[in-house]
């Protein structure tokens, strides 16, 4: 198989590239040159947002070239996807666009599938659109050029090595600092996420199998719980952290923002339903397999140690995580309110 990866040097793109190389595929990486392309790939340099920025795909060594698959993770101006897809429509068998569950109109009902209404968008949109419209516009651009040959991968929360958003790295860093850690409850809160390597494998399998149309690609709800995720983070970082569980009411009363200040977590309600209660039966039937949360956490921690302990961060994304002073204040308030009941869920040993 011949893969053209648009990007391929960070997080999802890198995972896709490495998965394809591991299969013995021929991989061409088209990127801006800000990071080194993975060893074993052919690199083409260009900036798809600039005038003439796609020349490396049509001229020189790439003139007349064809690929079996293209994988595109672009999340900014849909017009960039439009232009790339048009250039490649006659030279690539299938266009795999890594989209997002954010394309669904909010609030999306618990158990929503690929037929839930999506946001309004255009493939001609520029940078002046939000993330949801950018991803939906990218979908429309891929569909416009490739039709049924476009595979729309609506990923949810993505975790794992190379993460440059900061969600799992923040939790690992917080556990590594030790002490009492505010753990948002309930422990049994069902989570949905996908390990970036499982996402990459599914994209390649589905693309090679000739699938098209939209798929929600994320683990089944409850593949892991909040308790299992945080317990794994505490274990791999050395066990110096003590989890102090607070119920959702206490967390919200402390003015702590779900998802941003406490990554991954959301209290029961509309946001939780949108993030952690998506129907994924179509992707599972098409071969999606998700590794245990303990493996995702351990491998991410190992990668962080290999790069010096500090994860890279995308400049176009806000940083996530809870300020230590705000965490300490919430923990003090919870301790003071224990006599009245209902603020906390206890401490004690980290759950297995």
C-alpha atoms as a PDB file:
ATOM      1  CA  UNK A   1       0.000   0.000   0.000  1.00  0.00           C
ATOM      2  CA  UNK A   2       1.112   3.521  -0.750  1.00  0.00           C
ATOM      3  CA  UNK A   3       0.087   6.140   1.819  1.00  0.00           C
ATOM      4  CA  UNK A   4       0.246   9.909   1.476  1.00  0.00           C
ATOM      5  CA  UNK A   5       0.126  11.468   4.936  1.00  0.00           C
ATOM      6  CA  UNK A   6      -0.742  15.151   5.063  1.00  0.00           C
ATOM      7  CA  UNK A   7       1.141  16.109   8.194  1.00  0.00           C
ATOM      8  CA  UNK A   8       2.571  13.055   9.848  1.00  0.00           C
ATOM      9  CA  UNK A   9       5.002  14.513  12.356  1.00  0.00           C
ATOM     10  CA  UNK A  10       2.792  15.083  15.429  1.00  0.00           C
ATOM     11  CA  UNK A  11       0.232  13.133  17.489  1.00  0.00           C
ATOM     12  CA  UNK A  12      -2.437  11.545  15.228  1.00  0.00           C
ATOM     13  CA  UNK A  13      -0.500  12.036  12.019  1.00  0.00           C
ATOM     14  CA  UNK A  14       2.641  10.561  13.518  1.00  0.00           C
ATOM     15  CA  UNK A  15       0.741   7.565  14.897  1.00  0.00           C
ATOM     16  CA  UNK A  16      -0.775   6.906  11.468  1.00  0.00           C
ATOM     17  CA  UNK A  17       2.624   7.205   9.814  1.00  0.00           C
ATOM     18  CA  UNK A  18       4.297   4.831  12.254  1.00  0.00           C
ATOM     19  CA  UNK A  19       1.452   2.314  11.954  1.00  0.00           C
ATOM     20  CA  UNK A  20       1.742   2.324   8.163  1.00  0.00           C
ATOM     21  CA  UNK A  21       5.528   1.896   8.299  1.00  0.00           C
ATOM     22  CA  UNK A  22       5.127  -1.014  10.702  1.00  0.00           C
ATOM     23  CA  UNK A  23       2.945  -2.714   8.068  1.00  0.00           C
ATOM     24  CA  UNK A  24       5.621  -2.287   5.441  1.00  0.00           C
ATOM     25  CA  UNK A  25       3.678   0.360   3.518  1.00  0.00           C
ATOM     26  CA  UNK A  26       5.372   3.004   1.404  1.00  0.00           C
ATOM     27  CA  UNK A  27       4.747   6.312   3.178  1.00  0.00           C
ATOM     28  CA  UNK A  28       5.085   9.818   1.778  1.00  0.00           C
ATOM     29  CA  UNK A  29       4.774  12.644   4.306  1.00  0.00           C
ATOM     30  CA  UNK A  30       3.756  16.092   3.078  1.00  0.00           C
ATOM     31  CA  UNK A  31       4.488  18.674   5.789  1.00  0.00           C
ATOM     32  CA  UNK A  32       5.821  22.142   6.491  1.00  0.00           C
ATOM     33  CA  UNK A  33       9.172  21.012   7.868  1.00  0.00           C
ATOM     34  CA  UNK A  34       8.672  22.298  11.412  1.00  0.00           C
ATOM     35  CA  UNK A  35       9.388  18.823  12.784  1.00  0.00           C
ATOM     36  CA  UNK A  36      11.421  15.971  11.372  1.00  0.00           C
ATOM     37  CA  UNK A  37       9.481  13.367   9.425  1.00  0.00           C
ATOM     38  CA  UNK A  38       9.610   9.872  10.933  1.00  0.00           C
ATOM     39  CA  UNK A  39      12.527   7.752   9.672  1.00  0.00           C
ATOM     40  CA  UNK A  40      11.616   5.539   6.752  1.00  0.00           C
ATOM     41  CA  UNK A  41       9.314   8.032   5.061  1.00  0.00           C
ATOM     42  CA  UNK A  42       9.687  10.107   1.935  1.00  0.00           C
ATOM     43  CA  UNK A  43       9.272  13.778   2.848  1.00  0.00           C
ATOM     44  CA  UNK A  44       7.691  16.419   0.627  1.00  0.00           C
ATOM     45  CA  UNK A  45       7.774  19.989   1.930  1.00  0.00           C
ATOM     46  CA  UNK A  46       5.031  22.544   1.463  1.00  0.00           C
ATOM     47  CA  UNK A  47       2.593  24.821   3.239  1.00  0.00           C
ATOM     48  CA  UNK A  48      -0.959  24.080   2.156  1.00  0.00           C
ATOM     49  CA  UNK A  49      -2.138  27.510   3.368  1.00  0.00           C
ATOM     50  CA  UNK A  50       0.241  29.434   1.093  1.00  0.00           C
ATOM     51  CA  UNK A  51      -0.118  30.318  -2.580  1.00  0.00           C
ATOM     52  CA  UNK A  52       1.483  27.499  -4.520  1.00  0.00           C
ATOM     53  CA  UNK A  53       1.953  25.584  -1.285  1.00  0.00           C
ATOM     54  CA  UNK A  54       0.824  22.284  -2.820  1.00  0.00           C
ATOM     55  CA  UNK A  55       3.414  22.350  -5.598  1.00  0.00           C
ATOM     56  CA  UNK A  56       5.444  19.558  -4.016  1.00  0.00           C
ATOM     57  CA  UNK A  57       2.480  17.220  -4.585  1.00  0.00           C
ATOM     58  CA  UNK A  58       2.223  17.952  -8.297  1.00  0.00           C
ATOM     59  CA  UNK A  59       5.735  18.853  -9.482  1.00  0.00           C
ATOM     60  CA  UNK A  60       9.225  17.407  -9.393  1.00  0.00           C
ATOM     61  CA  UNK A  61       9.534  13.949  -7.868  1.00  0.00           C
ATOM     62  CA  UNK A  62       5.774  13.817  -7.175  1.00  0.00           C
ATOM     63  CA  UNK A  63       4.664  14.663 -10.715  1.00  0.00           C
ATOM     64  CA  UNK A  64       2.296  11.964 -11.925  1.00  0.00           C
ATOM     65  CA  UNK A  65       2.556  10.018  -8.659  1.00  0.00           C
ATOM     66  CA  UNK A  66      -0.402   8.083  -7.286  1.00  0.00           C
ATOM     67  CA  UNK A  67      -1.223   6.749  -3.830  1.00  0.00           C
ATOM     68  CA  UNK A  68      -3.727   4.217  -2.528  1.00  0.00           C
ATOM     69  CA  UNK A  69      -4.730   6.311   0.492  1.00  0.00           C
ATOM     70  CA  UNK A  70      -4.358   9.829   1.773  1.00  0.00           C
ATOM     71  CA  UNK A  71      -4.891  10.563   5.475  1.00  0.00           C
ATOM     72  CA  UNK A  72      -5.586  14.159   6.448  1.00  0.00           C
ATOM     73  CA  UNK A  73      -5.908  15.467  10.024  1.00  0.00           C
ATOM     74  CA  UNK A  74      -6.313  19.174   9.205  1.00  0.00           C
ATOM     75  CA  UNK A  75      -8.386  21.125  11.734  1.00  0.00           C
ATOM     76  CA  UNK A  76      -8.216  24.718  10.559  1.00  0.00           C
ATOM     77  CA  UNK A  77      -9.529  26.420   7.410  1.00  0.00           C
ATOM     78  CA  UNK A  78     -11.630  23.909   5.416  1.00  0.00           C
ATOM     79  CA  UNK A  79     -10.444  25.600   2.234  1.00  0.00           C
ATOM     80  CA  UNK A  80      -7.056  23.934   2.770  1.00  0.00           C
ATOM     81  CA  UNK A  81      -8.727  20.506   2.733  1.00  0.00           C
ATOM     82  CA  UNK A  82     -10.734  21.549  -0.326  1.00  0.00           C
ATOM     83  CA  UNK A  83      -7.619  22.501  -2.278  1.00  0.00           C
ATOM     84  CA  UNK A  84      -5.680  19.393  -1.255  1.00  0.00           C
ATOM     85  CA  UNK A  85      -8.551  17.055  -2.058  1.00  0.00           C
ATOM     86  CA  UNK A  86      -9.083  18.599  -5.487  1.00  0.00           C
ATOM     87  CA  UNK A  87      -5.405  18.240  -6.363  1.00  0.00           C
ATOM     88  CA  UNK A  88      -5.385  14.601  -5.297  1.00  0.00           C
ATOM     89  CA  UNK A  89      -8.823  13.433  -6.480  1.00  0.00           C
ATOM     90  CA  UNK A  90      -7.514  11.753  -9.644  1.00  0.00           C
ATOM     91  CA  UNK A  91      -4.370  10.329  -8.073  1.00  0.00           C
ATOM     92  CA  UNK A  92      -5.493   8.802  -4.782  1.00  0.00           C
ATOM     93  CA  UNK A  93      -7.828   5.868  -4.263  1.00  0.00           C
ATOM     94  CA  UNK A  94      -9.428   6.995  -1.015  1.00  0.00           C
ATOM     95  CA  UNK A  95      -9.379  10.123   1.169  1.00  0.00           C
ATOM     96  CA  UNK A  96      -9.392   9.443   4.919  1.00  0.00           C
ATOM     97  CA  UNK A  97     -10.274  12.634   6.767  1.00  0.00           C
ATOM     98  CA  UNK A  98      -9.811  12.559  10.542  1.00  0.00           C
ATOM     99  CA  UNK A  99     -12.740  14.658  11.689  1.00  0.00           C
ATOM    100  CA  UNK A 100     -14.303  15.001  15.134  1.00  0.00           C
ATOM    101  CA  UNK A 101     -17.441  14.281  17.124  1.00  0.00           C
ATOM    102  CA  UNK A 102     -17.570  18.062  17.543  1.00  0.00           C
ATOM    103  CA  UNK A 103     -19.298  18.271  14.162  1.00  0.00           C
ATOM    104  CA  UNK A 104     -22.573  17.171  15.801  1.00  0.00           C
ATOM    105  CA  UNK A 105     -24.988  19.890  16.870  1.00  0.00           C
ATOM    106  CA  UNK A 106     -24.808  20.453  20.604  1.00  0.00           C
ATOM    107  CA  UNK A 107     -26.416  19.205  22.728  1.00  0.00           C
ATOM    108  CA  UNK A 108     -26.301  15.750  21.208  1.00  0.00           C
ATOM    109  CA  UNK A 109     -28.438  13.099  22.849  1.00  0.00           C
ATOM    110  CA  UNK A 110     -26.903  10.249  24.812  1.00  0.00           C
ATOM    111  CA  UNK A 111     -26.332   7.366  22.420  1.00  0.00           C
ATOM    112  CA  UNK A 112     -26.273   9.549  19.315  1.00  0.00           C
ATOM    113  CA  UNK A 113     -24.969   7.881  16.170  1.00  0.00           C
ATOM    114  CA  UNK A 114     -23.689   9.124  12.828  1.00  0.00           C
ATOM    115  CA  UNK A 115     -27.161  10.307  11.816  1.00  0.00           C
ATOM    116  CA  UNK A 116     -27.322  13.044  14.458  1.00  0.00           C
ATOM    117  CA  UNK A 117     -27.581  16.525  12.839  1.00  0.00           C
ATOM    118  CA  UNK A 118     -24.300  18.307  12.190  1.00  0.00           C
ATOM    119  CA  UNK A 119     -23.319  21.971  12.295  1.00  0.00           C
ATOM    120  CA  UNK A 120     -23.647  24.209   9.272  1.00  0.00           C
ATOM    121  CA  UNK A 121     -20.367  24.682   7.434  1.00  0.00           C
ATOM    122  CA  UNK A 122     -18.795  25.182   4.027  1.00  0.00           C
ATOM    123  CA  UNK A 123     -15.718  23.704   2.333  1.00  0.00           C
ATOM    124  CA  UNK A 124     -14.854  27.242   1.310  1.00  0.00           C
ATOM    125  CA  UNK A 125     -14.579  28.552   4.876  1.00  0.00           C
ATOM    126  CA  UNK A 126     -11.344  30.166   6.005  1.00  0.00           C
ATOM    127  CA  UNK A 127      -9.708  30.495   9.400  1.00  0.00           C
ATOM    128  CA  UNK A 128     -12.569  32.545  10.857  1.00  0.00           C
ATOM    129  CA  UNK A 129     -14.605  29.508  11.930  1.00  0.00           C
ATOM    130  CA  UNK A 130     -14.660  27.565  15.175  1.00  0.00           C
ATOM    131  CA  UNK A 131     -13.376  24.018  15.565  1.00  0.00           C
ATOM    132  CA  UNK A 132     -16.721  22.329  14.900  1.00  0.00           C
ATOM    133  CA  UNK A 133     -17.330  24.242  11.674  1.00  0.00           C
ATOM    134  CA  UNK A 134     -13.724  23.746  10.584  1.00  0.00           C
ATOM    135  CA  UNK A 135     -14.005  19.978  10.917  1.00  0.00           C
ATOM    136  CA  UNK A 136     -17.411  19.807   9.247  1.00  0.00           C
ATOM    137  CA  UNK A 137     -16.149  22.017   6.440  1.00  0.00           C
ATOM    138  CA  UNK A 138     -13.215  19.645   6.027  1.00  0.00           C
ATOM    139  CA  UNK A 139     -15.654  16.736   5.748  1.00  0.00           C
ATOM    140  CA  UNK A 140     -17.606  18.543   3.046  1.00  0.00           C
ATOM    141  CA  UNK A 141     -14.396  19.315   1.168  1.00  0.00           C
ATOM    142  CA  UNK A 142     -13.381  15.648   1.171  1.00  0.00           C
ATOM    143  CA  UNK A 143     -16.864  14.579   0.076  1.00  0.00           C
ATOM    144  CA  UNK A 144     -16.956  17.177  -2.695  1.00  0.00           C
ATOM    145  CA  UNK A 145     -13.766  15.855  -4.276  1.00  0.00           C
ATOM    146  CA  UNK A 146     -13.973  12.131  -3.465  1.00  0.00           C
ATOM    147  CA  UNK A 147     -17.661  11.364  -2.954  1.00  0.00           C
ATOM    148  CA  UNK A 148     -18.127   7.790  -1.736  1.00  0.00           C
ATOM    149  CA  UNK A 149     -14.343   7.411  -1.663  1.00  0.00           C
ATOM    150  CA  UNK A 150     -14.156   9.772   1.330  1.00  0.00           C
ATOM    151  CA  UNK A 151     -13.962   8.185   4.793  1.00  0.00           C
ATOM    152  CA  UNK A 152     -14.957  10.576   7.588  1.00  0.00           C
ATOM    153  CA  UNK A 153     -13.405   9.509  10.881  1.00  0.00           C
ATOM    154  CA  UNK A 154     -15.316  11.304  13.648  1.00  0.00           C
ATOM    155  CA  UNK A 155     -12.919  10.771  16.520  1.00  0.00           C
ATOM    156  CA  UNK A 156     -13.741  11.644  20.091  1.00  0.00           C
ATOM    157  CA  UNK A 157     -11.282  12.204  22.929  1.00  0.00           C
ATOM    158  CA  UNK A 158      -7.848  11.012  21.750  1.00  0.00           C
ATOM    159  CA  UNK A 159      -5.187   9.964  24.262  1.00  0.00           C
ATOM    160  CA  UNK A 160      -1.808   8.268  24.070  1.00  0.00           C
ATOM    161  CA  UNK A 161       1.857   8.869  23.208  1.00  0.00           C
ATOM    162  CA  UNK A 162       2.716  12.065  21.302  1.00  0.00           C
ATOM    163  CA  UNK A 163      -0.300  13.915  22.713  1.00  0.00           C
ATOM    164  CA  UNK A 164       0.153  17.649  22.131  1.00  0.00           C
ATOM    165  CA  UNK A 165      -3.108  18.817  23.711  1.00  0.00           C
ATOM    166  CA  UNK A 166      -2.054  18.064  27.289  1.00  0.00           C
ATOM    167  CA  UNK A 167      -4.959  16.115  28.782  1.00  0.00           C
ATOM    168  CA  UNK A 168      -3.402  12.805  29.813  1.00  0.00           C
ATOM    169  CA  UNK A 169       0.058  14.407  30.238  1.00  0.00           C
ATOM    170  CA  UNK A 170      -1.477  16.854  32.727  1.00  0.00           C
ATOM    171  CA  UNK A 171      -2.939  14.079  34.857  1.00  0.00           C
ATOM    172  CA  UNK A 172       0.342  12.185  34.768  1.00  0.00           C
ATOM    173  CA  UNK A 173       2.283  15.288  35.750  1.00  0.00           C
ATOM    174  CA  UNK A 174      -0.121  16.010  38.578  1.00  0.00           C
ATOM    175  CA  UNK A 175       0.198  12.481  39.943  1.00  0.00           C
ATOM    176  CA  UNK A 176       3.977  12.661  39.673  1.00  0.00           C
ATOM    177  CA  UNK A 177       3.987  15.722  41.954  1.00  0.00           C
ATOM    178  CA  UNK A 178       2.356  13.547  44.608  1.00  0.00           C
ATOM    179  CA  UNK A 179       0.349  14.634  47.627  1.00  0.00           C
ATOM    180  CA  UNK A 180      -3.414  14.780  47.778  1.00  0.00           C
ATOM    181  CA  UNK A 181      -4.952  14.955  44.296  1.00  0.00           C
ATOM    182  CA  UNK A 182      -8.467  16.226  43.668  1.00  0.00           C
ATOM    183  CA  UNK A 183     -10.223  13.376  41.863  1.00  0.00           C
ATOM    184  CA  UNK A 184     -13.575  14.294  40.286  1.00  0.00           C
ATOM    185  CA  UNK A 185     -16.224  11.668  40.868  1.00  0.00           C
ATOM    186  CA  UNK A 186     -17.908   9.425  40.748  1.00  0.00           C
ATOM    187  CA  UNK A 187     -15.184   6.809  40.477  1.00  0.00           C
ATOM    188  CA  UNK A 188     -17.413   4.627  38.298  1.00  0.00           C
ATOM    189  CA  UNK A 189     -18.047   7.444  35.775  1.00  0.00           C
ATOM    190  CA  UNK A 190     -17.951   5.781  32.351  1.00  0.00           C
ATOM    191  CA  UNK A 191     -15.482   7.310  29.879  1.00  0.00           C
ATOM    192  CA  UNK A 192     -15.083   7.238  26.130  1.00  0.00           C
ATOM    193  CA  UNK A 193     -11.736   7.888  24.470  1.00  0.00           C
ATOM    194  CA  UNK A 194      -9.546   6.273  21.842  1.00  0.00           C
ATOM    195  CA  UNK A 195      -5.847   5.490  22.066  1.00  0.00           C
ATOM    196  CA  UNK A 196      -4.173   7.301  19.182  1.00  0.00           C
ATOM    197  CA  UNK A 197      -2.586   4.048  18.000  1.00  0.00           C
ATOM    198  CA  UNK A 198      -5.951   2.269  17.897  1.00  0.00           C
ATOM    199  CA  UNK A 199      -7.366   5.219  15.957  1.00  0.00           C
ATOM    200  CA  UNK A 200      -4.451   5.032  13.516  1.00  0.00           C
ATOM    201  CA  UNK A 201      -4.854   1.293  13.011  1.00  0.00           C
ATOM    202  CA  UNK A 202      -8.574   1.659  12.357  1.00  0.00           C
ATOM    203  CA  UNK A 203      -8.032   4.456   9.832  1.00  0.00           C
ATOM    204  CA  UNK A 204      -5.595   2.313   7.838  1.00  0.00           C
ATOM    205  CA  UNK A 205      -7.696  -0.851   8.054  1.00  0.00           C
ATOM    206  CA  UNK A 206     -10.905   0.934   7.083  1.00  0.00           C
ATOM    207  CA  UNK A 207      -9.235   2.879   4.292  1.00  0.00           C
ATOM    208  CA  UNK A 208      -7.622  -0.229   2.852  1.00  0.00           C
ATOM    209  CA  UNK A 209     -10.972  -2.054   3.051  1.00  0.00           C
ATOM    210  CA  UNK A 210     -12.614   0.656   0.961  1.00  0.00           C
ATOM    211  CA  UNK A 211     -14.989   2.021   3.605  1.00  0.00           C
ATOM    212  CA  UNK A 212     -16.586   5.416   3.130  1.00  0.00           C
ATOM    213  CA  UNK A 213     -18.896   7.824   4.887  1.00  0.00           C
ATOM    214  CA  UNK A 214     -18.958   8.851   8.567  1.00  0.00           C
ATOM    215  CA  UNK A 215     -17.897   6.684  11.510  1.00  0.00           C
ATOM    216  CA  UNK A 216     -17.756   7.558  15.214  1.00  0.00           C
ATOM    217  CA  UNK A 217     -14.319   6.253  16.180  1.00  0.00           C
ATOM    218  CA  UNK A 218     -13.962   6.140  19.942  1.00  0.00           C
ATOM    219  CA  UNK A 219     -14.173   3.382  22.541  1.00  0.00           C
ATOM    220  CA  UNK A 220     -17.542   2.112  23.728  1.00  0.00           C
ATOM    221  CA  UNK A 221     -18.763   4.091  26.738  1.00  0.00           C
ATOM    222  CA  UNK A 222     -17.391   2.471  29.876  1.00  0.00           C
ATOM    223  CA  UNK A 223     -14.304   1.003  28.217  1.00  0.00           C
ATOM    224  CA  UNK A 224     -12.670   2.699  31.219  1.00  0.00           C
ATOM    225  CA  UNK A 225     -13.932   4.627  34.219  1.00  0.00           C
ATOM    226  CA  UNK A 226     -12.628   7.780  35.834  1.00  0.00           C
ATOM    227  CA  UNK A 227     -11.436   5.683  38.750  1.00  0.00           C
ATOM    228  CA  UNK A 228      -9.531   3.274  36.520  1.00  0.00           C
ATOM    229  CA  UNK A 229      -7.899   6.091  34.549  1.00  0.00           C
ATOM    230  CA  UNK A 230      -6.694   8.015  37.597  1.00  0.00           C
ATOM    231  CA  UNK A 231      -5.635   4.858  39.432  1.00  0.00           C
ATOM    232  CA  UNK A 232      -3.464   3.903  36.461  1.00  0.00           C
ATOM    233  CA  UNK A 233      -1.932   7.406  36.392  1.00  0.00           C
ATOM    234  CA  UNK A 234      -1.123   7.185  40.111  1.00  0.00           C
ATOM    235  CA  UNK A 235       0.472   3.758  39.771  1.00  0.00           C
ATOM    236  CA  UNK A 236       2.749   4.395  36.800  1.00  0.00           C
ATOM    237  CA  UNK A 237       4.076   7.663  38.260  1.00  0.00           C
ATOM    238  CA  UNK A 238       5.296   5.997  41.432  1.00  0.00           C
ATOM    239  CA  UNK A 239       2.327   5.809  43.767  1.00  0.00           C
ATOM    240  CA  UNK A 240       3.114   8.995  45.684  1.00  0.00           C
ATOM    241  CA  UNK A 241      -0.311  10.518  45.013  1.00  0.00           C
ATOM    242  CA  UNK A 242      -3.405  10.040  47.166  1.00  0.00           C
ATOM    243  CA  UNK A 243      -6.692  10.434  45.345  1.00  0.00           C
ATOM    244  CA  UNK A 244      -9.265  12.546  47.200  1.00  0.00           C
ATOM    245  CA  UNK A 245     -12.603  11.913  45.521  1.00  0.00           C
ATOM    246  CA  UNK A 246     -15.119  14.740  45.375  1.00  0.00           C
ATOM    247  CA  UNK A 247     -18.588  14.382  43.949  1.00  0.00           C
ATOM    248  CA  UNK A 248     -19.545  16.451  40.936  1.00  0.00           C
ATOM    249  CA  UNK A 249     -21.521  18.946  42.992  1.00  0.00           C
ATOM    250  CA  UNK A 250     -18.517  19.792  45.146  1.00  0.00           C
ATOM    251  CA  UNK A 251     -16.272  20.175  42.096  1.00  0.00           C
ATOM    252  CA  UNK A 252     -18.676  22.501  40.319  1.00  0.00           C
ATOM    253  CA  UNK A 253     -19.374  24.474  43.522  1.00  0.00           C
ATOM    254  CA  UNK A 254     -15.637  25.191  43.705  1.00  0.00           C
ATOM    255  CA  UNK A 255     -15.864  26.932  40.324  1.00  0.00           C
ATOM    256  CA  UNK A 256     -13.785  24.273  38.575  1.00  0.00           C
ATOM    257  CA  UNK A 257     -14.446  23.892  34.861  1.00  0.00           C
ATOM    258  CA  UNK A 258     -15.055  20.371  33.547  1.00  0.00           C
ATOM    259  CA  UNK A 259     -12.933  19.205  30.601  1.00  0.00           C
ATOM    260  CA  UNK A 260     -10.548  22.166  30.643  1.00  0.00           C
ATOM    261  CA  UNK A 261      -9.426  22.472  34.270  1.00  0.00           C
ATOM    262  CA  UNK A 262     -10.026  18.772  34.919  1.00  0.00           C
ATOM    263  CA  UNK A 263      -9.194  17.152  31.573  1.00  0.00           C
ATOM    264  CA  UNK A 264     -11.280  14.193  30.383  1.00  0.00           C
ATOM    265  CA  UNK A 265     -13.907  14.680  33.128  1.00  0.00           C
ATOM    266  CA  UNK A 266     -17.407  16.075  32.747  1.00  0.00           C
ATOM    267  CA  UNK A 267     -20.295  16.029  35.193  1.00  0.00           C
ATOM    268  CA  UNK A 268     -23.466  14.199  34.187  1.00  0.00           C
ATOM    269  CA  UNK A 269     -25.466  16.319  31.765  1.00  0.00           C
ATOM    270  CA  UNK A 270     -25.334  17.636  28.213  1.00  0.00           C
ATOM    271  CA  UNK A 271     -21.541  17.937  27.996  1.00  0.00           C
ATOM    272  CA  UNK A 272     -21.046  14.451  29.409  1.00  0.00           C
ATOM    273  CA  UNK A 273     -23.565  12.969  26.969  1.00  0.00           C
ATOM    274  CA  UNK A 274     -21.783  14.609  24.038  1.00  0.00           C
ATOM    275  CA  UNK A 275     -18.307  13.505  25.131  1.00  0.00           C
ATOM    276  CA  UNK A 276     -18.787  10.110  26.710  1.00  0.00           C
ATOM    277  CA  UNK A 277     -22.062   8.583  25.475  1.00  0.00           C
ATOM    278  CA  UNK A 278     -21.666   8.218  21.719  1.00  0.00           C
ATOM    279  CA  UNK A 279     -22.894   5.203  19.751  1.00  0.00           C
ATOM    280  CA  UNK A 280     -19.829   3.523  18.219  1.00  0.00           C
ATOM    281  CA  UNK A 281     -21.426   0.299  17.025  1.00  0.00           C
ATOM    282  CA  UNK A 282     -20.685   1.076  13.385  1.00  0.00           C
ATOM    283  CA  UNK A 283     -16.939   1.449  13.962  1.00  0.00           C
ATOM    284  CA  UNK A 284     -16.804  -1.587  16.247  1.00  0.00           C
ATOM    285  CA  UNK A 285     -18.551  -3.675  13.579  1.00  0.00           C
ATOM    286  CA  UNK A 286     -15.917  -2.386  11.135  1.00  0.00           C
ATOM    287  CA  UNK A 287     -13.058  -3.651  13.307  1.00  0.00           C
ATOM    288  CA  UNK A 288     -12.345  -1.013  15.963  1.00  0.00           C
ATOM    289  CA  UNK A 289     -10.416  -2.556  18.853  1.00  0.00           C
ATOM    290  CA  UNK A 290      -9.356  -0.598  21.931  1.00  0.00           C
ATOM    291  CA  UNK A 291      -6.445  -1.512  24.197  1.00  0.00           C
ATOM    292  CA  UNK A 292      -6.752  -1.394  28.014  1.00  0.00           C
ATOM    293  CA  UNK A 293      -6.508   1.987  29.706  1.00  0.00           C
ATOM    294  CA  UNK A 294      -3.526   0.768  31.736  1.00  0.00           C
ATOM    295  CA  UNK A 295      -1.528   0.306  28.535  1.00  0.00           C
ATOM    296  CA  UNK A 296      -2.414   3.740  27.187  1.00  0.00           C
ATOM    297  CA  UNK A 297      -1.406   5.385  30.476  1.00  0.00           C
ATOM    298  CA  UNK A 298       1.828   3.413  30.892  1.00  0.00           C
ATOM    299  CA  UNK A 299       2.977   4.013  27.325  1.00  0.00           C
ATOM    300  CA  UNK A 300       2.199   7.722  27.536  1.00  0.00           C
ATOM    301  CA  UNK A 301       4.172   8.011  30.772  1.00  0.00           C
ATOM    302  CA  UNK A 302       7.110   6.139  29.200  1.00  0.00           C
ATOM    303  CA  UNK A 303       7.063   8.494  26.206  1.00  0.00           C
ATOM    304  CA  UNK A 304       6.976  11.531  28.503  1.00  0.00           C
ATOM    305  CA  UNK A 305      10.028  10.252  30.367  1.00  0.00           C
ATOM    306  CA  UNK A 306      11.843   9.636  27.099  1.00  0.00           C
ATOM    307  CA  UNK A 307      11.363  13.279  26.024  1.00  0.00           C
ATOM    308  CA  UNK A 308      12.303  14.802  29.373  1.00  0.00           C
ATOM    309  CA  UNK A 309       8.929  14.876  31.103  1.00  0.00           C
ATOM    310  CA  UNK A 310       7.376  17.859  29.289  1.00  0.00           C
ATOM    311  CA  UNK A 311       4.822  17.196  26.562  1.00  0.00           C
ATOM    312  CA  UNK A 312       4.751  19.317  23.396  1.00  0.00           C
ATOM    313  CA  UNK A 313       1.842  21.695  23.078  1.00  0.00           C
ATOM    314  CA  UNK A 314      -0.044  22.860  20.010  1.00  0.00           C
ATOM    315  CA  UNK A 315       0.141  26.669  19.888  1.00  0.00           C
ATOM    316  CA  UNK A 316      -3.441  26.908  18.613  1.00  0.00           C
ATOM    317  CA  UNK A 317      -4.928  25.127  21.649  1.00  0.00           C
ATOM    318  CA  UNK A 318      -5.440  26.535  25.125  1.00  0.00           C
ATOM    319  CA  UNK A 319      -3.567  24.839  27.939  1.00  0.00           C
ATOM    320  CA  UNK A 320      -5.539  22.559  30.203  1.00  0.00           C
ATOM    321  CA  UNK A 321      -5.247  21.679  33.878  1.00  0.00           C
ATOM    322  CA  UNK A 322      -6.134  22.882  37.337  1.00  0.00           C
ATOM    323  CA  UNK A 323      -4.132  25.594  39.089  1.00  0.00           C
ATOM    324  CA  UNK A 324      -2.519  24.141  42.262  1.00  0.00           C
ATOM    325  CA  UNK A 325      -3.870  26.955  44.425  1.00  0.00           C
ATOM    326  CA  UNK A 326      -7.417  26.386  43.161  1.00  0.00           C
ATOM    327  CA  UNK A 327      -7.077  22.662  43.767  1.00  0.00           C
ATOM    328  CA  UNK A 328      -5.856  23.230  47.336  1.00  0.00           C
ATOM    329  CA  UNK A 329      -8.718  25.622  48.032  1.00  0.00           C
ATOM    330  CA  UNK A 330     -11.286  23.100  46.782  1.00  0.00           C
ATOM    331  CA  UNK A 331      -9.745  20.342  48.876  1.00  0.00           C
ATOM    332  CA  UNK A 332      -9.831  22.528  52.004  1.00  0.00           C
ATOM    333  CA  UNK A 333     -13.467  23.405  51.376  1.00  0.00           C
ATOM    334  CA  UNK A 334     -14.335  19.743  50.944  1.00  0.00           C
ATOM    335  CA  UNK A 335     -12.571  18.803  54.168  1.00  0.00           C
ATOM    336  CA  UNK A 336     -14.366  21.572  56.072  1.00  0.00           C
ATOM    337  CA  UNK A 337     -17.726  20.448  54.723  1.00  0.00           C
ATOM    338  CA  UNK A 338     -17.369  16.755  55.468  1.00  0.00           C
ATOM    339  CA  UNK A 339     -19.257  17.104  58.730  1.00  0.00           C
ATOM    340  CA  UNK A 340     -22.341  18.151  56.795  1.00  0.00           C
ATOM    341  CA  UNK A 341     -22.016  15.214  54.413  1.00  0.00           C
ATOM    342  CA  UNK A 342     -22.117  15.016  50.646  1.00  0.00           C
ATOM    343  CA  UNK A 343     -19.000  16.987  49.740  1.00  0.00           C
ATOM    344  CA  UNK A 344     -16.521  14.178  49.411  1.00  0.00           C
ATOM    345  CA  UNK A 345     -16.358  10.512  48.522  1.00  0.00           C
ATOM    346  CA  UNK A 346     -13.517   9.589  50.818  1.00  0.00           C
ATOM    347  CA  UNK A 347      -9.850   8.948  50.414  1.00  0.00           C
ATOM    348  CA  UNK A 348      -7.992   5.772  51.184  1.00  0.00           C
ATOM    349  CA  UNK A 349      -6.232   3.369  48.808  1.00  0.00           C
ATOM    350  CA  UNK A 350      -6.131   4.044  45.117  1.00  0.00           C
ATOM    351  CA  UNK A 351      -8.733   1.794  43.438  1.00  0.00           C
ATOM    352  CA  UNK A 352      -7.384  -0.998  41.288  1.00  0.00           C
END
